[in-house]
Amino acid sequence: MRILAVLVLAPALFAASGCMSTFSGLGDGPRQVTVNTEPTGALLAIDGAGECETPCRVKLDGPRKARLAKAGFVTRTITLTPDRRSLTVPMELAAATDDVDSVALPSLD
């Protein structure tokens, strides 16, 4: 697992121990939420402030928009809330394209 430390206008602090991230906002204190994906290894970005690789834990003070992205899969946008202890998000395989120009393909002879 890895963490990229990014400081943006959105209040965020990425801890150096494991994949624990803190996102402050409104509320009575941060609560830890574990985010999993099926399959694992998606990049989780919260409010565009930084990334961690799933599975990872984040601390939330309030609802946050999150983006999950993994090569070969459809990017997901979800809302994370501090009232859940954990969340598993299924990632959908990206569909192969049918827009191949058969004229441009090389001959296999």
PDB file of N, CA and C in Angstrom:
ATOM      1  N   MET A   1       0.836  -1.172   0.000  1.00  0.00           N
ATOM      2  CA  MET A   1       0.000   0.000   0.000  1.00  0.00           C
ATOM      3  C   MET A   1       0.879   1.233   0.000  1.00  0.00           C
ATOM      4  N   ARG A   2       0.356   2.335  -0.553  1.00  0.00           N
ATOM      5  CA  ARG A   2       1.157   3.548  -0.580  1.00  0.00           C
ATOM      6  C   ARG A   2       0.278   4.753  -0.333  1.00  0.00           C
ATOM      7  N   ILE A   3       0.907   5.823   0.079  1.00  0.00           N
ATOM      8  CA  ILE A   3       0.215   7.080   0.322  1.00  0.00           C
ATOM      9  C   ILE A   3       1.003   8.185  -0.354  1.00  0.00           C
ATOM     10  N   LEU A   4       0.305   9.073  -1.014  1.00  0.00           N
ATOM     11  CA  LEU A   4       0.917  10.274  -1.562  1.00  0.00           C
ATOM     12  C   LEU A   4       0.460  11.431  -0.701  1.00  0.00           C
ATOM     13  N   ALA A   5       1.379  12.192  -0.169  1.00  0.00           N
ATOM     14  CA  ALA A   5       1.022  13.346   0.663  1.00  0.00           C
ATOM     15  C   ALA A   5       0.778  14.537  -0.253  1.00  0.00           C
ATOM     16  N   VAL A   6      -0.413  15.079  -0.171  1.00  0.00           N
ATOM     17  CA  VAL A   6      -0.782  16.219  -1.003  1.00  0.00           C
ATOM     18  C   VAL A   6      -1.529  17.214  -0.132  1.00  0.00           C
ATOM     19  N   LEU A   7      -1.092  18.455  -0.142  1.00  0.00           N
ATOM     20  CA  LEU A   7      -1.799  19.499   0.581  1.00  0.00           C
ATOM     21  C   LEU A   7      -2.476  20.395  -0.436  1.00  0.00           C
ATOM     22  N   VAL A   8      -3.789  20.493  -0.324  1.00  0.00           N
ATOM     23  CA  VAL A   8      -4.589  21.287  -1.239  1.00  0.00           C
ATOM     24  C   VAL A   8      -5.459  22.199  -0.378  1.00  0.00           C
ATOM     25  N   LEU A   9      -6.307  23.000  -0.966  1.00  0.00           N
ATOM     26  CA  LEU A   9      -7.189  23.866  -0.207  1.00  0.00           C
ATOM     27  C   LEU A   9      -8.123  23.081   0.705  1.00  0.00           C
ATOM     28  N   ALA A  10      -8.547  21.899   0.270  1.00  0.00           N
ATOM     29  CA  ALA A  10      -9.389  21.057   1.125  1.00  0.00           C
ATOM     30  C   ALA A  10      -8.553  20.601   2.308  1.00  0.00           C
ATOM     31  N   PRO A  11      -9.102  20.649   3.531  1.00  0.00           N
ATOM     32  CA  PRO A  11      -8.310  20.253   4.693  1.00  0.00           C
ATOM     33  C   PRO A  11      -8.063  18.754   4.685  1.00  0.00           C
ATOM     34  N   ALA A  12      -6.809  18.365   4.613  1.00  0.00           N
ATOM     35  CA  ALA A  12      -6.479  16.944   4.579  1.00  0.00           C
ATOM     36  C   ALA A  12      -5.111  16.721   5.189  1.00  0.00           C
ATOM     37  N   LEU A  13      -4.956  15.576   5.827  1.00  0.00           N
ATOM     38  CA  LEU A  13      -3.675  15.181   6.382  1.00  0.00           C
ATOM     39  C   LEU A  13      -3.504  13.707   6.132  1.00  0.00           C
ATOM     40  N   PHE A  14      -2.453  13.346   5.401  1.00  0.00           N
ATOM     41  CA  PHE A  14      -2.182  11.944   5.130  1.00  0.00           C
ATOM     42  C   PHE A  14      -1.103  11.491   6.089  1.00  0.00           C
ATOM     43  N   ALA A  15      -1.418  10.499   6.905  1.00  0.00           N
ATOM     44  CA  ALA A  15      -0.461   9.992   7.886  1.00  0.00           C
ATOM     45  C   ALA A  15       0.543   9.080   7.215  1.00  0.00           C
ATOM     46  N   ALA A  16       1.722   8.979   7.795  1.00  0.00           N
ATOM     47  CA  ALA A  16       2.778   8.169   7.215  1.00  0.00           C
ATOM     48  C   ALA A  16       2.705   6.711   7.656  1.00  0.00           C
ATOM     49  N   SER A  17       1.851   6.393   8.604  1.00  0.00           N
ATOM     50  CA  SER A  17       1.782   5.013   9.099  1.00  0.00           C
ATOM     51  C   SER A  17       0.701   4.240   8.360  1.00  0.00           C
ATOM     52  N   GLY A  18       1.099   3.344   7.474  1.00  0.00           N
ATOM     53  CA  GLY A  18       0.138   2.534   6.730  1.00  0.00           C
ATOM     54  C   GLY A  18      -0.670   3.381   5.783  1.00  0.00           C
ATOM     55  N   CYS A  19      -1.934   3.052   5.625  1.00  0.00           N
ATOM     56  CA  CYS A  19      -2.829   3.802   4.749  1.00  0.00           C
ATOM     57  C   CYS A  19      -3.914   4.467   5.569  1.00  0.00           C
ATOM     58  N   MET A  20      -3.538   5.294   6.506  1.00  0.00           N
ATOM     59  CA  MET A  20      -4.490   6.021   7.323  1.00  0.00           C
ATOM     60  C   MET A  20      -4.473   7.468   6.885  1.00  0.00           C
ATOM     61  N   SER A  21      -5.625   8.007   6.549  1.00  0.00           N
ATOM     62  CA  SER A  21      -5.729   9.384   6.097  1.00  0.00           C
ATOM     63  C   SER A  21      -6.790  10.087   6.914  1.00  0.00           C
ATOM     64  N   THR A  22      -6.606  11.369   7.194  1.00  0.00           N
ATOM     65  CA  THR A  22      -7.569  12.141   7.964  1.00  0.00           C
ATOM     66  C   THR A  22      -8.131  13.247   7.091  1.00  0.00           C
ATOM     67  N   PHE A  23      -9.449  13.368   7.073  1.00  0.00           N
ATOM     68  CA  PHE A  23     -10.128  14.416   6.334  1.00  0.00           C
ATOM     69  C   PHE A  23     -11.053  15.124   7.299  1.00  0.00           C
ATOM     70  N   SER A  24     -10.715  16.348   7.667  1.00  0.00           N
ATOM     71  CA  SER A  24     -11.480  17.095   8.651  1.00  0.00           C
ATOM     72  C   SER A  24     -12.582  17.893   7.985  1.00  0.00           C
ATOM     73  N   GLY A  25     -13.572  18.195   8.744  1.00  0.00           N
ATOM     74  CA  GLY A  25     -14.696  18.970   8.251  1.00  0.00           C
ATOM     75  C   GLY A  25     -15.632  19.245   9.403  1.00  0.00           C
ATOM     76  N   LEU A  26     -16.920  19.246   9.146  1.00  0.00           N
ATOM     77  CA  LEU A  26     -17.906  19.483  10.182  1.00  0.00           C
ATOM     78  C   LEU A  26     -18.155  18.201  10.964  1.00  0.00           C
ATOM     79  N   GLY A  27     -18.564  18.356  12.217  1.00  0.00           N
ATOM     80  CA  GLY A  27     -18.905  17.175  13.006  1.00  0.00           C
ATOM     81  C   GLY A  27     -18.241  17.218  14.363  1.00  0.00           C
ATOM     82  N   ASP A  28     -18.440  16.155  15.132  1.00  0.00           N
ATOM     83  CA  ASP A  28     -17.933  16.125  16.495  1.00  0.00           C
ATOM     84  C   ASP A  28     -16.634  15.354  16.622  1.00  0.00           C
ATOM     85  N   GLY A  29     -15.917  15.137  15.558  1.00  0.00           N
ATOM     86  CA  GLY A  29     -14.646  14.443  15.598  1.00  0.00           C
ATOM     87  C   GLY A  29     -14.558  13.400  14.514  1.00  0.00           C
ATOM     88  N   PRO A  30     -13.346  13.123  14.065  1.00  0.00           N
ATOM     89  CA  PRO A  30     -13.183  12.157  12.973  1.00  0.00           C
ATOM     90  C   PRO A  30     -13.498  10.731  13.404  1.00  0.00           C
ATOM     91  N   ARG A  31     -14.044   9.973  12.492  1.00  0.00           N
ATOM     92  CA  ARG A  31     -14.308   8.552  12.694  1.00  0.00           C
ATOM     93  C   ARG A  31     -13.620   7.780  11.591  1.00  0.00           C
ATOM     94  N   GLN A  32     -13.090   6.630  11.939  1.00  0.00           N
ATOM     95  CA  GLN A  32     -12.340   5.807  10.997  1.00  0.00           C
ATOM     96  C   GLN A  32     -13.272   4.971  10.124  1.00  0.00           C
ATOM     97  N   VAL A  33     -13.033   5.012   8.822  1.00  0.00           N
ATOM     98  CA  VAL A  33     -13.785   4.213   7.848  1.00  0.00           C
ATOM     99  C   VAL A  33     -12.770   3.446   7.007  1.00  0.00           C
ATOM    100  N   THR A  34     -12.965   2.140   6.873  1.00  0.00           N
ATOM    101  CA  THR A  34     -12.106   1.318   6.031  1.00  0.00           C
ATOM    102  C   THR A  34     -12.777   1.173   4.674  1.00  0.00           C
ATOM    103  N   VAL A  35     -12.051   1.507   3.614  1.00  0.00           N
ATOM    104  CA  VAL A  35     -12.579   1.411   2.254  1.00  0.00           C
ATOM    105  C   VAL A  35     -11.876   0.263   1.543  1.00  0.00           C
ATOM    106  N   ASN A  36     -12.672  -0.700   1.082  1.00  0.00           N
ATOM    107  CA  ASN A  36     -12.188  -1.848   0.316  1.00  0.00           C
ATOM    108  C   ASN A  36     -12.781  -1.787  -1.081  1.00  0.00           C
ATOM    109  N   THR A  37     -12.100  -2.374  -2.033  1.00  0.00           N
ATOM    110  CA  THR A  37     -12.659  -2.540  -3.372  1.00  0.00           C
ATOM    111  C   THR A  37     -12.481  -3.986  -3.787  1.00  0.00           C
ATOM    112  N   GLU A  38     -13.345  -4.418  -4.671  1.00  0.00           N
ATOM    113  CA  GLU A  38     -13.231  -5.755  -5.275  1.00  0.00           C
ATOM    114  C   GLU A  38     -13.027  -5.550  -6.757  1.00  0.00           C
ATOM    115  N   PRO A  39     -11.834  -5.769  -7.295  1.00  0.00           N
ATOM    116  CA  PRO A  39     -10.613  -6.219  -6.645  1.00  0.00           C
ATOM    117  C   PRO A  39      -9.926  -5.075  -5.904  1.00  0.00           C
ATOM    118  N   THR A  40      -8.965  -5.434  -5.054  1.00  0.00           N
ATOM    119  CA  THR A  40      -8.213  -4.440  -4.308  1.00  0.00           C
ATOM    120  C   THR A  40      -7.254  -3.706  -5.233  1.00  0.00           C
ATOM    121  N   GLY A  41      -6.635  -2.665  -4.717  1.00  0.00           N
ATOM    122  CA  GLY A  41      -5.616  -1.951  -5.479  1.00  0.00           C
ATOM    123  C   GLY A  41      -6.103  -0.733  -6.237  1.00  0.00           C
ATOM    124  N   ALA A  42      -7.332  -0.285  -5.976  1.00  0.00           N
ATOM    125  CA  ALA A  42      -7.825   0.932  -6.622  1.00  0.00           C
ATOM    126  C   ALA A  42      -7.273   2.146  -5.876  1.00  0.00           C
ATOM    127  N   LEU A  43      -7.093   3.248  -6.580  1.00  0.00           N
ATOM    128  CA  LEU A  43      -6.673   4.491  -5.949  1.00  0.00           C
ATOM    129  C   LEU A  43      -7.907   5.234  -5.469  1.00  0.00           C
ATOM    130  N   LEU A  44      -7.888   5.625  -4.204  1.00  0.00           N
ATOM    131  CA  LEU A  44      -8.983   6.354  -3.582  1.00  0.00           C
ATOM    132  C   LEU A  44      -8.550   7.797  -3.397  1.00  0.00           C
ATOM    133  N   ALA A  45      -9.275   8.735  -3.996  1.00  0.00           N
ATOM    134  CA  ALA A  45      -9.020  10.168  -3.833  1.00  0.00           C
ATOM    135  C   ALA A  45     -10.259  10.783  -3.191  1.00  0.00           C
ATOM    136  N   ILE A  46     -10.058  11.508  -2.091  1.00  0.00           N
ATOM    137  CA  ILE A  46     -11.181  12.116  -1.373  1.00  0.00           C
ATOM    138  C   ILE A  46     -11.113  13.620  -1.538  1.00  0.00           C
ATOM    139  N   ASP A  47     -12.195  14.192  -2.043  1.00  0.00           N
ATOM    140  CA  ASP A  47     -12.282  15.629  -2.296  1.00  0.00           C
ATOM    141  C   ASP A  47     -11.096  16.138  -3.109  1.00  0.00           C
ATOM    142  N   GLY A  48     -10.502  15.280  -3.920  1.00  0.00           N
ATOM    143  CA  GLY A  48      -9.380  15.665  -4.760  1.00  0.00           C
ATOM    144  C   GLY A  48      -8.120  16.029  -3.985  1.00  0.00           C
ATOM    145  N   ALA A  49      -8.052  15.660  -2.697  1.00  0.00           N
ATOM    146  CA  ALA A  49      -6.945  16.096  -1.844  1.00  0.00           C
ATOM    147  C   ALA A  49      -5.746  15.163  -1.853  1.00  0.00           C
ATOM    148  N   GLY A  50      -5.873  13.940  -2.291  1.00  0.00           N
ATOM    149  CA  GLY A  50      -4.759  13.016  -2.283  1.00  0.00           C
ATOM    150  C   GLY A  50      -5.241  11.615  -2.589  1.00  0.00           C
ATOM    151  N   GLU A  51      -4.360  10.658  -2.448  1.00  0.00           N
ATOM    152  CA  GLU A  51      -4.727   9.285  -2.799  1.00  0.00           C
ATOM    153  C   GLU A  51      -4.168   8.293  -1.797  1.00  0.00           C
ATOM    154  N   CYS A  52      -4.868   7.166  -1.663  1.00  0.00           N
ATOM    155  CA  CYS A  52      -4.330   5.991  -0.991  1.00  0.00           C
ATOM    156  C   CYS A  52      -4.821   4.788  -1.790  1.00  0.00           C
ATOM    157  N   GLU A  53      -4.159   3.671  -1.633  1.00  0.00           N
ATOM    158  CA  GLU A  53      -4.504   2.469  -2.394  1.00  0.00           C
ATOM    159  C   GLU A  53      -5.335   1.538  -1.514  1.00  0.00           C
ATOM    160  N   THR A  54      -6.463   1.063  -2.061  1.00  0.00           N
ATOM    161  CA  THR A  54      -7.345   0.193  -1.288  1.00  0.00           C
ATOM    162  C   THR A  54      -6.743  -1.196  -1.116  1.00  0.00           C
ATOM    163  N   PRO A  55      -6.989  -1.790   0.043  1.00  0.00           N
ATOM    164  CA  PRO A  55      -7.797  -1.282   1.145  1.00  0.00           C
ATOM    165  C   PRO A  55      -7.037  -0.216   1.930  1.00  0.00           C
ATOM    166  N   CYS A  56      -7.754   0.809   2.354  1.00  0.00           N
ATOM    167  CA  CYS A  56      -7.134   1.838   3.188  1.00  0.00           C
ATOM    168  C   CYS A  56      -8.168   2.385   4.163  1.00  0.00           C
ATOM    169  N   ARG A  57      -7.660   3.023   5.204  1.00  0.00           N
ATOM    170  CA  ARG A  57      -8.516   3.600   6.234  1.00  0.00           C
ATOM    171  C   ARG A  57      -8.423   5.109   6.156  1.00  0.00           C
ATOM    172  N   VAL A  58      -9.567   5.763   6.314  1.00  0.00           N
ATOM    173  CA  VAL A  58      -9.614   7.219   6.323  1.00  0.00           C
ATOM    174  C   VAL A  58     -10.408   7.657   7.547  1.00  0.00           C
ATOM    175  N   LYS A  59     -10.076   8.819   8.057  1.00  0.00           N
ATOM    176  CA  LYS A  59     -10.844   9.412   9.154  1.00  0.00           C
ATOM    177  C   LYS A  59     -11.659  10.550   8.578  1.00  0.00           C
ATOM    178  N   LEU A  60     -12.961  10.506   8.842  1.00  0.00           N
ATOM    179  CA  LEU A  60     -13.882  11.495   8.285  1.00  0.00           C
ATOM    180  C   LEU A  60     -14.637  12.210   9.388  1.00  0.00           C
ATOM    181  N   ASP A  61     -14.814  13.529   9.243  1.00  0.00           N
ATOM    182  CA  ASP A  61     -15.646  14.313  10.149  1.00  0.00           C
ATOM    183  C   ASP A  61     -17.041  14.517   9.574  1.00  0.00           C
ATOM    184  N   GLY A  62     -17.189  14.298   8.285  1.00  0.00           N
ATOM    185  CA  GLY A  62     -18.468  14.502   7.621  1.00  0.00           C
ATOM    186  C   GLY A  62     -18.451  13.823   6.271  1.00  0.00           C
ATOM    187  N   PRO A  63     -19.554  13.913   5.535  1.00  0.00           N
ATOM    188  CA  PRO A  63     -19.615  13.287   4.207  1.00  0.00           C
ATOM    189  C   PRO A  63     -18.568  13.883   3.270  1.00  0.00           C
ATOM    190  N   ARG A  64     -17.961  13.026   2.458  1.00  0.00           N
ATOM    191  CA  ARG A  64     -16.934  13.442   1.496  1.00  0.00           C
ATOM    192  C   ARG A  64     -17.142  12.731   0.171  1.00  0.00           C
ATOM    193  N   LYS A  65     -16.925  13.436  -0.929  1.00  0.00           N
ATOM    194  CA  LYS A  65     -16.940  12.837  -2.260  1.00  0.00           C
ATOM    195  C   LYS A  65     -15.628  12.102  -2.461  1.00  0.00           C
ATOM    196  N   ALA A  66     -15.708  10.898  -2.980  1.00  0.00           N
ATOM    197  CA  ALA A  66     -14.508  10.091  -3.200  1.00  0.00           C
ATOM    198  C   ALA A  66     -14.541   9.515  -4.601  1.00  0.00           C
ATOM    199  N   ARG A  67     -13.354   9.377  -5.191  1.00  0.00           N
ATOM    200  CA  ARG A  67     -13.213   8.800  -6.530  1.00  0.00           C
ATOM    201  C   ARG A  67     -12.319   7.577  -6.421  1.00  0.00           C
ATOM    202  N   LEU A  68     -12.782   6.465  -6.990  1.00  0.00           N
ATOM    203  CA  LEU A  68     -12.025   5.218  -7.032  1.00  0.00           C
ATOM    204  C   LEU A  68     -11.654   4.932  -8.477  1.00  0.00           C
ATOM    205  N   ALA A  69     -10.373   4.692  -8.727  1.00  0.00           N
ATOM    206  CA  ALA A  69      -9.912   4.434 -10.087  1.00  0.00           C
ATOM    207  C   ALA A  69      -8.912   3.288 -10.075  1.00  0.00           C
ATOM    208  N   LYS A  70      -9.046   2.406 -11.067  1.00  0.00           N
ATOM    209  CA  LYS A  70      -8.128   1.280 -11.236  1.00  0.00           C
ATOM    210  C   LYS A  70      -8.036   0.993 -12.723  1.00  0.00           C
ATOM    211  N   ALA A  71      -6.826   0.754 -13.214  1.00  0.00           N
ATOM    212  CA  ALA A  71      -6.623   0.475 -14.635  1.00  0.00           C
ATOM    213  C   ALA A  71      -7.473  -0.709 -15.065  1.00  0.00           C
ATOM    214  N   GLY A  72      -8.200  -0.563 -16.165  1.00  0.00           N
ATOM    215  CA  GLY A  72      -9.036  -1.633 -16.703  1.00  0.00           C
ATOM    216  C   GLY A  72     -10.435  -1.680 -16.115  1.00  0.00           C
ATOM    217  N   PHE A  73     -10.732  -0.744 -15.189  1.00  0.00           N
ATOM    218  CA  PHE A  73     -12.033  -0.723 -14.535  1.00  0.00           C
ATOM    219  C   PHE A  73     -12.669   0.650 -14.682  1.00  0.00           C
ATOM    220  N   VAL A  74     -13.994   0.698 -14.586  1.00  0.00           N
ATOM    221  CA  VAL A  74     -14.735   1.945 -14.672  1.00  0.00           C
ATOM    222  C   VAL A  74     -14.482   2.747 -13.395  1.00  0.00           C
ATOM    223  N   THR A  75     -14.166   4.031 -13.533  1.00  0.00           N
ATOM    224  CA  THR A  75     -13.962   4.906 -12.388  1.00  0.00           C
ATOM    225  C   THR A  75     -15.285   5.119 -11.673  1.00  0.00           C
ATOM    226  N   ARG A  76     -15.257   5.034 -10.341  1.00  0.00           N
ATOM    227  CA  ARG A  76     -16.466   5.193  -9.527  1.00  0.00           C
ATOM    228  C   ARG A  76     -16.355   6.459  -8.695  1.00  0.00           C
ATOM    229  N   THR A  77     -17.451   7.181  -8.559  1.00  0.00           N
ATOM    230  CA  THR A  77     -17.544   8.315  -7.646  1.00  0.00           C
ATOM    231  C   THR A  77     -18.583   7.956  -6.600  1.00  0.00           C
ATOM    232  N   ILE A  78     -18.187   8.046  -5.324  1.00  0.00           N
ATOM    233  CA  ILE A  78     -19.075   7.675  -4.230  1.00  0.00           C
ATOM    234  C   ILE A  78     -19.023   8.764  -3.162  1.00  0.00           C
ATOM    235  N   THR A  79     -19.946   8.705  -2.216  1.00  0.00           N
ATOM    236  CA  THR A  79     -19.920   9.579  -1.056  1.00  0.00           C
ATOM    237  C   THR A  79     -19.602   8.734   0.164  1.00  0.00           C
ATOM    238  N   LEU A  80     -18.540   9.112   0.866  1.00  0.00           N
ATOM    239  CA  LEU A  80     -18.167   8.426   2.105  1.00  0.00           C
ATOM    240  C   LEU A  80     -18.746   9.197   3.279  1.00  0.00           C
ATOM    241  N   THR A  81     -19.284   8.473   4.258  1.00  0.00           N
ATOM    242  CA  THR A  81     -19.825   9.092   5.456  1.00  0.00           C
ATOM    243  C   THR A  81     -19.217   8.447   6.692  1.00  0.00           C
ATOM    244  N   PRO A  82     -19.056   9.214   7.771  1.00  0.00           N
ATOM    245  CA  PRO A  82     -18.419   8.676   8.975  1.00  0.00           C
ATOM    246  C   PRO A  82     -19.303   7.711   9.764  1.00  0.00           C
ATOM    247  N   ASP A  83     -20.552   7.532   9.366  1.00  0.00           N
ATOM    248  CA  ASP A  83     -21.433   6.630  10.106  1.00  0.00           C
ATOM    249  C   ASP A  83     -21.213   5.152   9.766  1.00  0.00           C
ATOM    250  N   ARG A  84     -20.373   4.852   8.784  1.00  0.00           N
ATOM    251  CA  ARG A  84     -20.056   3.464   8.419  1.00  0.00           C
ATOM    252  C   ARG A  84     -18.646   3.138   8.857  1.00  0.00           C
ATOM    253  N   ARG A  85     -18.452   1.971   9.413  1.00  0.00           N
ATOM    254  CA  ARG A  85     -17.113   1.527   9.835  1.00  0.00           C
ATOM    255  C   ARG A  85     -16.293   1.028   8.653  1.00  0.00           C
ATOM    256  N   SER A  86     -16.974   0.361   7.696  1.00  0.00           N
ATOM    257  CA  SER A  86     -16.277  -0.136   6.507  1.00  0.00           C
ATOM    258  C   SER A  86     -17.218  -0.138   5.325  1.00  0.00           C
ATOM    259  N   LEU A  87     -16.611  -0.155   4.159  1.00  0.00           N
ATOM    260  CA  LEU A  87     -17.368  -0.119   2.910  1.00  0.00           C
ATOM    261  C   LEU A  87     -16.589  -0.904   1.871  1.00  0.00           C
ATOM    262  N   THR A  88     -17.274  -1.788   1.153  1.00  0.00           N
ATOM    263  CA  THR A  88     -16.663  -2.516   0.044  1.00  0.00           C
ATOM    264  C   THR A  88     -17.357  -2.098  -1.238  1.00  0.00           C
ATOM    265  N   VAL A  89     -16.571  -1.609  -2.191  1.00  0.00           N
ATOM    266  CA  VAL A  89     -17.106  -1.111  -3.455  1.00  0.00           C
ATOM    267  C   VAL A  89     -16.692  -2.062  -4.570  1.00  0.00           C
ATOM    268  N   PRO A  90     -17.659  -2.675  -5.268  1.00  0.00           N
ATOM    269  CA  PRO A  90     -17.303  -3.525  -6.410  1.00  0.00           C
ATOM    270  C   PRO A  90     -16.893  -2.657  -7.590  1.00  0.00           C
ATOM    271  N   MET A  91     -15.783  -3.006  -8.215  1.00  0.00           N
ATOM    272  CA  MET A  91     -15.302  -2.279  -9.390  1.00  0.00           C
ATOM    273  C   MET A  91     -15.774  -3.029 -10.635  1.00  0.00           C
ATOM    274  N   GLU A  92     -16.304  -2.294 -11.599  1.00  0.00           N
ATOM    275  CA  GLU A  92     -16.829  -2.878 -12.835  1.00  0.00           C
ATOM    276  C   GLU A  92     -15.751  -2.843 -13.917  1.00  0.00           C
ATOM    277  N   LEU A  93     -15.534  -3.997 -14.561  1.00  0.00           N
ATOM    278  CA  LEU A  93     -14.571  -4.052 -15.659  1.00  0.00           C
ATOM    279  C   LEU A  93     -14.991  -3.103 -16.770  1.00  0.00           C
ATOM    280  N   ALA A  94     -14.030  -2.405 -17.329  1.00  0.00           N
ATOM    281  CA  ALA A  94     -14.310  -1.523 -18.462  1.00  0.00           C
ATOM    282  C   ALA A  94     -14.580  -2.392 -19.679  1.00  0.00           C
ATOM    283  N   ALA A  95     -15.575  -2.028 -20.451  1.00  0.00           N
ATOM    284  CA  ALA A  95     -15.936  -2.801 -21.637  1.00  0.00           C
ATOM    285  C   ALA A  95     -14.900  -2.618 -22.735  1.00  0.00           C
ATOM    286  N   ALA A  96     -14.611  -3.690 -23.417  1.00  0.00           N
ATOM    287  CA  ALA A  96     -13.726  -3.606 -24.584  1.00  0.00           C
ATOM    288  C   ALA A  96     -14.441  -2.821 -25.666  1.00  0.00           C
ATOM    289  N   THR A  97     -13.704  -2.097 -26.445  1.00  0.00           N
ATOM    290  CA  THR A  97     -14.302  -1.280 -27.495  1.00  0.00           C
ATOM    291  C   THR A  97     -14.525  -2.093 -28.770  1.00  0.00           C
ATOM    292  N   ASP A  98     -15.604  -1.777 -29.477  1.00  0.00           N
ATOM    293  CA  ASP A  98     -15.889  -2.398 -30.770  1.00  0.00           C
ATOM    294  C   ASP A  98     -15.496  -1.468 -31.914  1.00  0.00           C
ATOM    295  N   ASP A  99     -14.911  -0.330 -31.563  1.00  0.00           N
ATOM    296  CA  ASP A  99     -14.570   0.686 -32.554  1.00  0.00           C
ATOM    297  C   ASP A  99     -13.188   0.455 -33.157  1.00  0.00           C
ATOM    298  N   VAL A 100     -12.915  -0.746 -33.617  1.00  0.00           N
ATOM    299  CA  VAL A 100     -11.627  -1.066 -34.223  1.00  0.00           C
ATOM    300  C   VAL A 100     -11.777  -0.982 -35.733  1.00  0.00           C
ATOM    301  N   ASP A 101     -10.877  -0.260 -36.360  1.00  0.00           N
ATOM    302  CA  ASP A 101     -10.911  -0.109 -37.802  1.00  0.00           C
ATOM    303  C   ASP A 101     -10.221  -1.323 -38.423  1.00  0.00           C
ATOM    304  N   SER A 102     -11.010  -2.240 -38.962  1.00  0.00           N
ATOM    305  CA  SER A 102     -10.442  -3.482 -39.503  1.00  0.00           C
ATOM    306  C   SER A 102      -9.560  -3.224 -40.724  1.00  0.00           C
ATOM    307  N   VAL A 103      -9.738  -2.116 -41.404  1.00  0.00           N
ATOM    308  CA  VAL A 103      -8.920  -1.786 -42.564  1.00  0.00           C
ATOM    309  C   VAL A 103      -7.488  -1.490 -42.114  1.00  0.00           C
ATOM    310  N   ALA A 104      -7.324  -0.930 -40.924  1.00  0.00           N
ATOM    311  CA  ALA A 104      -6.001  -0.531 -40.438  1.00  0.00           C
ATOM    312  C   ALA A 104      -5.240  -1.703 -39.820  1.00  0.00           C
ATOM    313  N   LEU A 105      -5.883  -2.852 -39.626  1.00  0.00           N
ATOM    314  CA  LEU A 105      -5.197  -3.980 -39.007  1.00  0.00           C
ATOM    315  C   LEU A 105      -4.221  -4.625 -39.980  1.00  0.00           C
ATOM    316  N   PRO A 106      -3.056  -5.032 -39.511  1.00  0.00           N
ATOM    317  CA  PRO A 106      -2.093  -5.674 -40.390  1.00  0.00           C
ATOM    318  C   PRO A 106      -2.548  -7.076 -40.791  1.00  0.00           C
ATOM    319  N   SER A 107      -2.103  -7.511 -41.926  1.00  0.00           N
ATOM    320  CA  SER A 107      -2.431  -8.862 -42.406  1.00  0.00           C
ATOM    321  C   SER A 107      -1.666  -9.887 -41.581  1.00  0.00           C
ATOM    322  N   LEU A 108      -2.323 -10.973 -41.228  1.00  0.00           N
ATOM    323  CA  LEU A 108      -1.679 -12.035 -40.452  1.00  0.00           C
ATOM    324  C   LEU A 108      -1.138 -13.150 -41.337  1.00  0.00           C
ATOM    325  N   ASP A 109      -1.142 -12.981 -42.653  1.00  0.00           N
ATOM    326  CA  ASP A 109      -0.647 -14.011 -43.592  1.00  0.00           C
ATOM    327  C   ASP A 109       0.840 -14.138 -43.561  1.00  0.00           C
TER     328      ASP A 109
END
